């Protein structure tokens, strides 16, 4: 019998989120009295001088604004106290809500900005994380070790794990409290760079030091999944959820992988729980529909997918799954409509091309099916290249510019230009004279109208010709 983490009641998880959505409903006079009584809250955020704080409150009280200000500070203090453990426990969505409330009152508080940057980084909102760090740096100046550490972690996680160099290595040795933050960012950075064996080594080291850290188990499971060690990945996701049953991200990763491995009966309770808690989340809705279709409940699966598409009409995952079910119900015309939309929404998705190919073949449209099959073959070739790099080549030769160039071209064909540019520039870091990369960048900048950058790469190519 499979052991799974208990399903917490939605009521157990909604209290802090509800608090984040609304200001305490205290009468103004009571808010002012509470604010003065708990003045120690006010002293630290961000008015650090008690006399100055009381003087300002007294002055505002004379004008009738003191009660409002005191209540507002008390409200923000409540959210900051709730945000700290949420960040520490990797409850990123909850932390984001609390920190948003704090930023309304203390937009320049260094602690709030640091926690906001860390939360945004963990949610892969890297541009936002950088903005929060820059705002903190403007407040604290250059002598700020926390800023330096978080900036290096951001660079590492974005796909440049070497950015921290000796600094991060020495920080791990000298500051055990910072070590998990560093291992976390390095592991994600290695994954983002397709250096899975290094990511696995980092997470294993982390788990040796902190075997009860749910985030370490979650990242380790993600690495194992990419390495196609699916049974171990499921066990790691399950362990992360057992350690922290409130982690919806671990619950979703576990359920999705179970569905992919044909274990829909095990995944269904997790997905039903998530759907009750997040009924409008398209990701949860689509995966629950896939689970139900796997278990033979096509009717409810169709209802779920139609609900998702009513809110998100161009969601590629919902479109391809809806097309698959229409094809299974012998409705090829409807299936074709869904699947063509899916291909347009995400040209890099192999499954949508495959289902459209089946649909066109069934309806006897051989020529169109042949064109779709050609696109599908290219996607299969790209996937094989990425798989080979992840599983072997990249782990053995991480300085090979050709590997970065190939990944960049795959990203570019998939329409993910930001990632493509990152891979191209990484290829040039290891070999500034890599001609295919210069050719790709010149073509990209010409298409996007960046004449100066295109000219730089064209000039290099001209000089490199025999």
Protein backbone atom coordinates (compact mmCIF):
# COMPACT_ATOMS: atom_id res chain seq x y z
CA UNK A 1 0.00 0.00 0.00
CA UNK A 2 1.35 3.41 -0.96
CA UNK A 3 1.85 5.88 1.82
CA UNK A 4 0.95 9.43 0.89
CA UNK A 5 1.04 12.65 2.81
CA UNK A 6 -2.24 13.57 4.53
CA UNK A 7 -4.53 15.94 2.73
CA UNK A 8 -4.86 19.06 4.88
CA UNK A 9 -8.20 20.75 5.13
CA UNK A 10 -8.42 23.90 2.98
CA UNK A 11 -9.41 25.74 6.15
CA UNK A 12 -5.99 24.94 7.60
CA UNK A 13 -4.25 26.70 4.74
CA UNK A 14 -6.55 29.64 4.07
CA UNK A 15 -6.18 31.67 7.25
CA UNK A 16 -2.91 33.36 6.46
CA UNK A 17 -3.92 33.98 2.85
CA UNK A 18 -7.16 35.59 3.99
CA UNK A 19 -5.22 37.79 6.37
CA UNK A 20 -3.05 38.89 3.49
CA UNK A 21 -6.05 40.03 1.49
CA UNK A 22 -7.64 42.41 3.93
CA UNK A 23 -6.61 44.97 6.52
CA UNK A 24 -7.72 44.22 10.13
CA UNK A 25 -11.22 45.58 10.67
CA UNK A 26 -10.49 47.48 13.90
CA UNK A 27 -12.23 50.76 14.69
CA UNK A 28 -9.93 53.71 14.15
CA UNK A 29 -9.64 54.58 17.83
CA UNK A 30 -8.88 50.98 18.74
CA UNK A 31 -6.31 50.77 15.98
CA UNK A 32 -4.56 53.86 17.31
CA UNK A 33 -4.54 52.53 20.90
CA UNK A 34 -3.25 49.12 19.73
CA UNK A 35 -0.58 50.78 17.65
CA UNK A 36 0.69 52.78 20.62
CA UNK A 37 0.46 49.85 22.99
CA UNK A 38 2.50 47.70 20.64
CA UNK A 39 4.89 50.50 19.83
CA UNK A 40 7.75 48.04 19.74
CA UNK A 41 6.30 46.85 16.44
CA UNK A 42 6.56 50.35 15.10
CA UNK A 43 10.09 50.95 16.34
CA UNK A 44 11.56 48.35 14.05
CA UNK A 45 9.64 48.85 10.80
CA UNK A 46 11.15 51.08 9.56
CA UNK A 47 11.22 53.89 12.18
CA UNK A 48 14.01 52.52 14.35
CA UNK A 49 14.18 55.40 16.85
CA UNK A 50 11.49 55.03 19.60
CA UNK A 51 11.43 58.73 20.49
CA UNK A 52 11.10 59.79 16.89
CA UNK A 53 8.35 57.22 16.33
CA UNK A 54 6.31 58.40 19.32
CA UNK A 55 6.84 62.02 18.39
CA UNK A 56 5.56 61.43 14.89
CA UNK A 57 2.54 59.51 16.18
CA UNK A 58 1.75 62.23 18.70
CA UNK A 59 1.96 64.87 16.01
CA UNK A 60 -0.29 62.92 13.69
CA UNK A 61 -2.74 62.24 16.52
CA UNK A 62 -3.18 65.99 16.94
CA UNK A 63 -4.28 66.21 13.33
CA UNK A 64 -6.61 63.21 13.57
CA UNK A 65 -4.40 60.91 11.47
CA UNK A 66 -2.55 59.09 14.25
CA UNK A 67 -5.07 56.26 14.62
CA UNK A 68 -4.98 55.55 10.88
CA UNK A 69 -1.17 55.54 10.74
CA UNK A 70 -0.86 53.35 13.83
CA UNK A 71 -3.34 50.85 12.46
CA UNK A 72 -1.58 50.75 9.12
CA UNK A 73 1.80 50.09 10.74
CA UNK A 74 0.29 47.41 12.96
CA UNK A 75 -1.28 45.78 9.89
CA UNK A 76 2.03 45.75 8.02
CA UNK A 77 3.85 44.41 11.09
CA UNK A 78 1.43 41.48 11.20
CA UNK A 79 2.18 40.65 7.56
CA UNK A 80 5.94 40.89 8.03
CA UNK A 81 5.82 38.51 10.99
CA UNK A 82 3.81 36.08 8.84
CA UNK A 83 6.09 36.52 5.81
CA UNK A 84 9.28 35.47 7.61
CA UNK A 85 8.25 31.85 8.35
CA UNK A 86 6.54 31.57 4.95
CA UNK A 87 9.82 32.45 3.22
CA UNK A 88 11.77 30.14 5.54
CA UNK A 89 9.40 27.23 4.73
CA UNK A 90 9.40 27.90 0.95
CA UNK A 91 5.66 28.77 0.96
CA UNK A 92 6.25 31.21 -1.86
CA UNK A 93 2.66 32.09 -2.80
CA UNK A 94 1.78 32.86 0.81
CA UNK A 95 4.99 34.84 1.31
CA UNK A 96 4.28 36.88 -1.81
CA UNK A 97 0.87 37.94 -0.51
CA UNK A 98 2.24 39.03 2.87
CA UNK A 99 5.19 40.88 1.35
CA UNK A 100 2.96 42.70 -1.09
CA UNK A 101 1.05 44.08 1.89
CA UNK A 102 4.33 45.08 3.60
CA UNK A 103 5.60 46.89 0.50
CA UNK A 104 2.53 49.11 0.47
CA UNK A 105 3.58 50.53 3.84
CA UNK A 106 7.39 50.09 3.75
CA UNK A 107 8.47 50.25 0.10
CA UNK A 108 12.07 50.97 1.12
CA UNK A 109 12.51 48.66 4.10
CA UNK A 110 15.69 46.57 3.54
CA UNK A 111 14.36 43.39 5.14
CA UNK A 112 11.10 43.49 3.18
CA UNK A 113 12.95 44.10 -0.08
CA UNK A 114 15.37 41.23 0.57
CA UNK A 115 12.55 38.79 1.37
CA UNK A 116 10.62 39.99 -1.70
CA UNK A 117 13.68 39.43 -3.92
CA UNK A 118 14.21 35.93 -2.52
CA UNK A 119 10.56 35.01 -3.01
CA UNK A 120 10.53 36.32 -6.59
CA UNK A 121 13.72 34.39 -7.35
CA UNK A 122 12.19 31.15 -6.09
CA UNK A 123 9.19 31.75 -8.33
CA UNK A 124 11.53 32.24 -11.33
CA UNK A 125 10.44 35.90 -11.59
CA UNK A 126 14.05 36.90 -12.10
CA UNK A 127 13.51 40.39 -13.52
CA UNK A 128 11.29 41.29 -10.56
CA UNK A 129 13.83 39.84 -8.12
CA UNK A 130 16.55 42.01 -9.66
CA UNK A 131 14.38 45.12 -9.26
CA UNK A 132 13.81 44.39 -5.57
CA UNK A 133 17.56 43.91 -5.07
CA UNK A 134 18.35 47.18 -6.82
CA UNK A 135 15.85 48.99 -4.59
CA UNK A 136 17.48 47.48 -1.51
CA UNK A 137 20.94 48.45 -2.75
CA UNK A 138 19.76 52.03 -3.24
CA UNK A 139 18.71 52.10 0.43
CA UNK A 140 21.60 50.24 2.09
CA UNK A 141 24.53 51.20 -0.12
CA UNK A 142 27.52 49.07 -1.06
CA UNK A 143 28.36 47.73 2.41
CA UNK A 144 25.63 45.09 2.42
CA UNK A 145 26.62 41.41 2.67
CA UNK A 146 23.00 40.22 2.38
CA UNK A 147 22.62 42.08 -0.90
CA UNK A 148 25.85 40.59 -2.28
CA UNK A 149 24.81 37.06 -1.32
CA UNK A 150 21.30 37.35 -2.78
CA UNK A 151 22.64 38.94 -5.97
CA UNK A 152 25.09 36.07 -6.47
CA UNK A 153 22.32 33.55 -5.75
CA UNK A 154 20.13 35.22 -8.37
CA UNK A 155 22.89 35.06 -10.99
CA UNK A 156 23.61 31.43 -10.11
CA UNK A 157 19.97 30.41 -10.33
CA UNK A 158 19.47 32.16 -13.66
CA UNK A 159 21.93 29.71 -15.23
CA UNK A 160 25.37 30.99 -14.24
CA UNK A 161 26.35 28.82 -11.24
CA UNK A 162 29.99 29.94 -11.53
CA UNK A 163 29.02 33.54 -10.73
CA UNK A 164 29.61 33.14 -6.98
CA UNK A 165 32.91 31.34 -7.36
CA UNK A 166 35.03 31.19 -4.24
CA UNK A 167 32.73 33.56 -2.34
CA UNK A 168 29.83 31.10 -2.20
CA UNK A 169 32.13 28.18 -1.42
CA UNK A 170 33.67 30.05 1.53
CA UNK A 171 30.24 31.19 2.70
CA UNK A 172 29.06 27.57 2.84
CA UNK A 173 32.03 26.70 5.06
CA UNK A 174 31.83 29.74 7.32
CA UNK A 175 28.07 30.30 7.61
CA UNK A 176 26.02 27.10 8.00
CA UNK A 177 22.80 29.14 8.08
CA UNK A 178 23.45 30.42 4.54
CA UNK A 179 24.46 27.03 3.14
CA UNK A 180 20.90 25.83 2.28
CA UNK A 181 20.23 29.08 0.39
CA UNK A 182 23.39 28.53 -1.64
CA UNK A 183 22.75 24.84 -2.36
CA UNK A 184 19.19 25.68 -3.42
CA UNK A 185 20.27 28.35 -5.93
CA UNK A 186 23.17 26.27 -7.28
CA UNK A 187 20.96 23.21 -7.79
CA UNK A 188 18.37 25.23 -9.69
CA UNK A 189 21.10 26.94 -11.71
CA UNK A 190 22.62 23.60 -12.70
CA UNK A 191 19.19 22.32 -13.74
CA UNK A 192 18.58 25.48 -15.77
CA UNK A 193 21.97 24.91 -17.45
CA UNK A 194 21.15 21.22 -18.12
CA UNK A 195 24.02 20.13 -15.85
CA UNK A 196 21.97 17.50 -14.12
CA UNK A 197 24.76 15.43 -12.62
CA UNK A 198 26.12 18.49 -10.84
CA UNK A 199 22.62 19.41 -9.68
CA UNK A 200 22.20 15.90 -8.31
CA UNK A 201 25.52 16.10 -6.44
CA UNK A 202 24.58 19.44 -4.85
CA UNK A 203 21.15 18.23 -3.70
CA UNK A 204 22.64 15.01 -2.31
CA UNK A 205 25.10 17.07 -0.28
CA UNK A 206 22.23 19.25 0.92
CA UNK A 207 20.19 16.21 1.95
CA UNK A 208 23.14 14.80 3.89
CA UNK A 209 23.17 17.97 6.00
CA UNK A 210 19.40 18.53 6.12
CA UNK A 211 17.54 15.24 5.50
CA UNK A 212 14.25 16.82 6.68
CA UNK A 213 14.31 19.79 4.30
CA UNK A 214 11.27 19.58 2.02
CA UNK A 215 12.77 21.89 -0.61
CA UNK A 216 15.87 19.71 -0.92
CA UNK A 217 13.70 16.65 -1.55
CA UNK A 218 11.56 18.59 -4.06
CA UNK A 219 14.56 19.77 -6.11
CA UNK A 220 16.17 16.34 -5.85
CA UNK A 221 12.97 14.79 -7.21
CA UNK A 222 12.93 17.26 -10.12
CA UNK A 223 16.53 16.34 -10.98
CA UNK A 224 15.76 12.60 -10.80
CA UNK A 225 12.74 13.11 -13.06
CA UNK A 226 14.90 14.82 -15.67
CA UNK A 227 17.40 11.97 -15.37
CA UNK A 228 14.48 9.61 -16.10
CA UNK A 229 14.74 7.92 -12.69
CA UNK A 230 10.99 8.13 -12.26
CA UNK A 231 10.46 5.74 -9.34
CA UNK A 232 13.05 7.54 -7.21
CA UNK A 233 11.62 10.91 -8.26
CA UNK A 234 8.13 9.90 -7.08
CA UNK A 235 9.61 8.76 -3.74
CA UNK A 236 11.42 12.10 -3.37
CA UNK A 237 8.31 14.17 -4.14
CA UNK A 238 6.33 12.04 -1.69
CA UNK A 239 8.96 12.64 1.01
CA UNK A 240 8.83 16.41 0.43
CA UNK A 241 5.06 16.29 0.88
CA UNK A 242 5.27 14.15 4.02
CA UNK A 243 7.68 16.66 5.55
CA UNK A 244 5.37 19.58 4.74
CA UNK A 245 1.77 18.65 3.78
CA UNK A 246 1.03 22.34 3.08
CA UNK A 247 3.30 22.37 0.03
CA UNK A 248 0.94 22.39 -2.92
CA UNK A 249 3.86 22.57 -5.36
CA UNK A 250 5.22 19.23 -4.11
CA UNK A 251 1.72 17.71 -4.19
CA UNK A 252 1.24 18.81 -7.82
CA UNK A 253 4.67 17.53 -8.93
CA UNK A 254 3.94 14.17 -7.31
CA UNK A 255 0.49 13.86 -8.88
CA UNK A 256 1.60 14.92 -12.37
CA UNK A 257 4.41 12.37 -12.43
CA UNK A 258 2.07 9.66 -11.14
CA UNK A 259 -0.37 10.38 -13.99
CA UNK A 260 2.47 10.32 -16.52
CA UNK A 261 3.54 6.91 -15.22
CA UNK A 262 -0.01 5.53 -15.49
CA UNK A 263 -0.77 5.70 -11.76
CA UNK A 264 -3.87 7.85 -11.99
CA UNK A 265 -5.62 6.18 -9.04
CA UNK A 266 -2.81 7.35 -6.74
CA UNK A 267 -2.78 10.84 -8.21
CA UNK A 268 -6.53 11.47 -8.11
CA UNK A 269 -6.87 12.32 -4.36
CA UNK A 270 -4.05 14.87 -4.63
CA UNK A 271 -5.47 16.50 -7.76
CA UNK A 272 -9.03 16.55 -6.37
CA UNK A 273 -7.74 18.28 -3.23
CA UNK A 274 -5.82 20.86 -5.26
CA UNK A 275 -8.83 21.47 -7.50
CA UNK A 276 -11.09 22.10 -4.50
CA UNK A 277 -8.56 24.56 -3.14
CA UNK A 278 -7.70 26.22 -6.49
CA UNK A 279 -10.75 25.70 -8.74
CA UNK A 280 -9.64 28.33 -11.27
CA UNK A 281 -6.05 27.12 -11.67
CA UNK A 282 -5.73 25.88 -15.29
CA UNK A 283 -2.71 23.68 -14.54
CA UNK A 284 -4.56 21.77 -11.82
CA UNK A 285 -7.71 21.53 -13.95
CA UNK A 286 -5.88 20.09 -16.97
CA UNK A 287 -3.96 17.51 -14.97
CA UNK A 288 -7.07 16.41 -13.11
CA UNK A 289 -8.82 16.00 -16.47
CA UNK A 290 -5.90 13.85 -17.74
CA UNK A 291 -6.10 11.76 -14.58
CA UNK A 292 -9.85 11.24 -14.96
CA UNK A 293 -9.51 10.37 -18.65
CA UNK A 294 -6.88 7.80 -17.72
CA UNK A 295 -9.34 6.30 -15.24
CA UNK A 296 -12.12 6.20 -17.86
CA UNK A 297 -14.20 9.18 -16.70
CA UNK A 298 -14.16 11.06 -20.00
CA UNK A 299 -17.40 12.93 -19.29
CA UNK A 300 -16.08 14.76 -16.24
CA UNK A 301 -12.71 15.27 -17.94
CA UNK A 302 -14.46 17.07 -20.81
CA UNK A 303 -16.43 19.23 -18.37
CA UNK A 304 -13.24 20.26 -16.59
CA UNK A 305 -11.42 21.08 -19.83
CA UNK A 306 -14.36 23.07 -21.19
CA UNK A 307 -14.34 25.06 -17.94
CA UNK A 308 -10.61 25.76 -18.29
CA UNK A 309 -10.99 26.81 -21.93
CA UNK A 310 -13.90 29.11 -21.07
CA UNK A 311 -11.49 31.07 -18.86
CA UNK A 312 -8.26 30.46 -20.81
CA UNK A 313 -9.25 29.84 -24.46
CA UNK A 314 -5.64 29.58 -25.67
CA UNK A 315 -4.20 27.32 -22.99
CA UNK A 316 -2.14 24.82 -25.06
CA UNK A 317 -2.32 21.95 -22.55
CA UNK A 318 -6.12 22.21 -22.25
CA UNK A 319 -6.49 22.43 -26.04
CA UNK A 320 -4.40 19.34 -26.78
CA UNK A 321 -6.12 17.29 -24.08
CA UNK A 322 -9.55 18.40 -25.30
CA UNK A 323 -8.56 17.49 -28.84
CA UNK A 324 -7.38 14.07 -27.72
CA UNK A 325 -10.72 13.38 -26.02
CA UNK A 326 -12.67 14.60 -29.08
CA UNK A 327 -10.61 12.26 -31.24
CA UNK A 328 -11.30 9.39 -28.84
CA UNK A 329 -15.02 10.21 -29.03
CA UNK A 330 -14.83 9.95 -32.87
CA UNK A 331 -15.33 13.69 -33.40
CA UNK A 332 -12.41 14.41 -35.79
CA UNK A 333 -13.69 17.82 -36.93
CA UNK A 334 -13.90 19.12 -33.37
CA UNK A 335 -10.58 17.48 -32.55
CA UNK A 336 -8.88 19.21 -35.48
CA UNK A 337 -10.12 22.62 -34.35
CA UNK A 338 -8.75 22.13 -30.84
CA UNK A 339 -5.45 20.66 -32.02
CA UNK A 340 -4.73 23.37 -34.59
CA UNK A 341 -5.24 25.98 -31.90
CA UNK A 342 -2.91 23.99 -29.62
CA UNK A 343 -0.17 23.92 -32.27
CA UNK A 344 -0.50 27.67 -32.82
CA UNK A 345 -0.45 28.34 -29.07
CA UNK A 346 2.72 26.25 -28.52
CA UNK A 347 4.62 25.30 -31.69
CA UNK A 348 7.21 23.42 -29.57
CA UNK A 349 4.76 20.85 -28.16
CA UNK A 350 5.29 17.39 -29.63
CA UNK A 351 2.03 15.90 -28.32
CA UNK A 352 -0.19 18.47 -30.06
CA UNK A 353 1.58 17.79 -33.38
CA UNK A 354 1.23 14.04 -32.88
CA UNK A 355 -2.49 14.21 -32.11
CA UNK A 356 -3.07 16.54 -35.09
CA UNK A 357 -1.15 14.10 -37.30
CA UNK A 358 -3.44 11.26 -36.14
CA UNK A 359 -6.51 13.40 -36.75
CA UNK A 360 -5.47 14.36 -40.30
CA UNK A 361 -4.53 10.78 -41.11
CA UNK A 362 -7.94 9.53 -39.95
CA UNK A 363 -9.72 12.04 -42.18
CA UNK A 364 -7.59 11.10 -45.20
CA UNK A 365 -5.74 14.42 -45.59
CA UNK A 366 -2.41 12.84 -46.38
CA UNK A 367 -0.52 15.91 -47.61
CA UNK A 368 -1.33 18.02 -44.56
CA UNK A 369 -0.53 15.06 -42.32
CA UNK A 370 2.88 14.77 -44.01
CA UNK A 371 3.70 18.41 -43.26
CA UNK A 372 2.68 18.02 -39.62
CA UNK A 373 4.76 14.85 -39.44
CA UNK A 374 7.82 16.76 -40.70
CA UNK A 375 7.41 19.33 -37.91
CA UNK A 376 6.92 16.52 -35.42
CA UNK A 377 10.12 14.84 -36.58
CA UNK A 378 12.07 18.07 -36.05
CA UNK A 379 10.70 18.32 -32.51
CA UNK A 380 11.72 14.72 -31.84
CA UNK A 381 15.25 15.48 -33.08
CA UNK A 382 15.43 18.54 -30.83
CA UNK A 383 14.20 16.55 -27.85
CA UNK A 384 16.84 13.87 -28.47
CA UNK A 385 19.58 16.50 -28.60
CA UNK A 386 18.45 18.02 -25.30
CA UNK A 387 18.12 14.57 -23.72
CA UNK A 388 21.63 13.58 -24.82
CA UNK A 389 23.05 16.81 -23.44
CA UNK A 390 21.24 16.43 -20.12
CA UNK A 391 22.06 12.79 -19.59
CA UNK A 392 25.66 12.65 -20.76
CA UNK A 393 27.40 15.15 -22.98
CA UNK A 394 26.74 18.30 -21.03
CA UNK A 395 27.68 16.69 -17.72
CA UNK A 396 31.05 15.63 -19.19
CA UNK A 397 31.89 18.74 -21.21
CA UNK A 398 30.10 21.79 -19.76
CA UNK A 399 32.44 24.14 -21.63
CA UNK A 400 31.49 22.85 -25.09
CA UNK A 401 30.10 25.88 -27.01
CA UNK A 402 28.43 23.61 -29.58
CA UNK A 403 26.16 22.18 -26.87
CA UNK A 404 25.03 25.65 -25.79
CA UNK A 405 24.53 26.66 -29.43
CA UNK A 406 22.31 23.61 -30.09
CA UNK A 407 20.18 24.31 -27.03
CA UNK A 408 19.92 27.94 -28.10
CA UNK A 409 18.67 26.96 -31.54
CA UNK A 410 16.12 24.59 -30.02
CA UNK A 411 14.89 27.36 -27.71
CA UNK A 412 14.74 29.77 -30.63
CA UNK A 413 12.68 27.39 -32.78
CA UNK A 414 10.37 26.90 -29.81
CA UNK A 415 9.83 30.67 -29.62
CA UNK A 416 11.59 31.09 -26.26
CA UNK A 417 13.89 33.86 -27.41
CA UNK A 418 15.03 34.97 -23.95
CA UNK A 419 16.40 31.50 -23.21
CA UNK A 420 17.85 31.25 -26.71
CA UNK A 421 19.85 34.46 -26.25
CA UNK A 422 21.09 33.25 -22.87
CA UNK A 423 22.39 30.03 -24.42
CA UNK A 424 23.99 31.84 -27.37
CA UNK A 425 25.83 34.26 -25.10
CA UNK A 426 26.95 31.36 -22.93
CA UNK A 427 28.40 29.64 -26.00
CA UNK A 428 30.40 32.78 -26.78
CA UNK A 429 31.70 32.95 -23.22
CA UNK A 430 33.37 29.57 -23.74
CA UNK A 431 34.41 30.27 -27.33
CA UNK A 432 34.20 33.93 -28.46
CA UNK A 433 34.94 32.79 -32.00
CA UNK A 434 32.15 30.22 -32.36
CA UNK A 435 30.92 31.08 -35.86
CA UNK A 436 27.48 29.35 -35.82
CA UNK A 437 26.56 31.31 -32.69
CA UNK A 438 27.61 34.62 -34.29
CA UNK A 439 25.56 33.67 -37.36
CA UNK A 440 22.48 32.94 -35.23
CA UNK A 441 22.81 36.17 -33.25
CA UNK A 442 23.32 38.27 -36.39
CA UNK A 443 20.18 36.79 -37.92
CA UNK A 444 18.18 37.31 -34.72
CA UNK A 445 19.20 40.96 -34.30
CA UNK A 446 18.50 41.69 -37.97
CA UNK A 447 14.97 40.27 -37.62
CA UNK A 448 14.31 42.30 -34.47
CA UNK A 449 15.68 45.55 -35.94
CA UNK A 450 18.72 45.87 -33.66
CA UNK A 451 21.03 47.13 -36.41
CA UNK A 452 24.07 47.88 -34.23
CA UNK A 453 24.28 44.44 -32.60
CA UNK A 454 23.59 42.71 -35.91
CA UNK A 455 26.43 44.69 -37.51
CA UNK A 456 28.87 43.64 -34.75
CA UNK A 457 28.24 39.96 -35.40
CA UNK A 458 28.30 40.40 -39.19
CA UNK A 459 31.67 42.19 -38.95
CA UNK A 460 33.07 39.34 -36.88
CA UNK A 461 31.86 36.83 -39.48
CA UNK A 462 33.42 38.87 -42.28
CA UNK A 463 36.77 39.01 -40.49
CA UNK A 464 36.65 35.27 -39.83
CA UNK A 465 36.20 34.35 -43.48
CA UNK A 466 39.33 32.94 -45.22
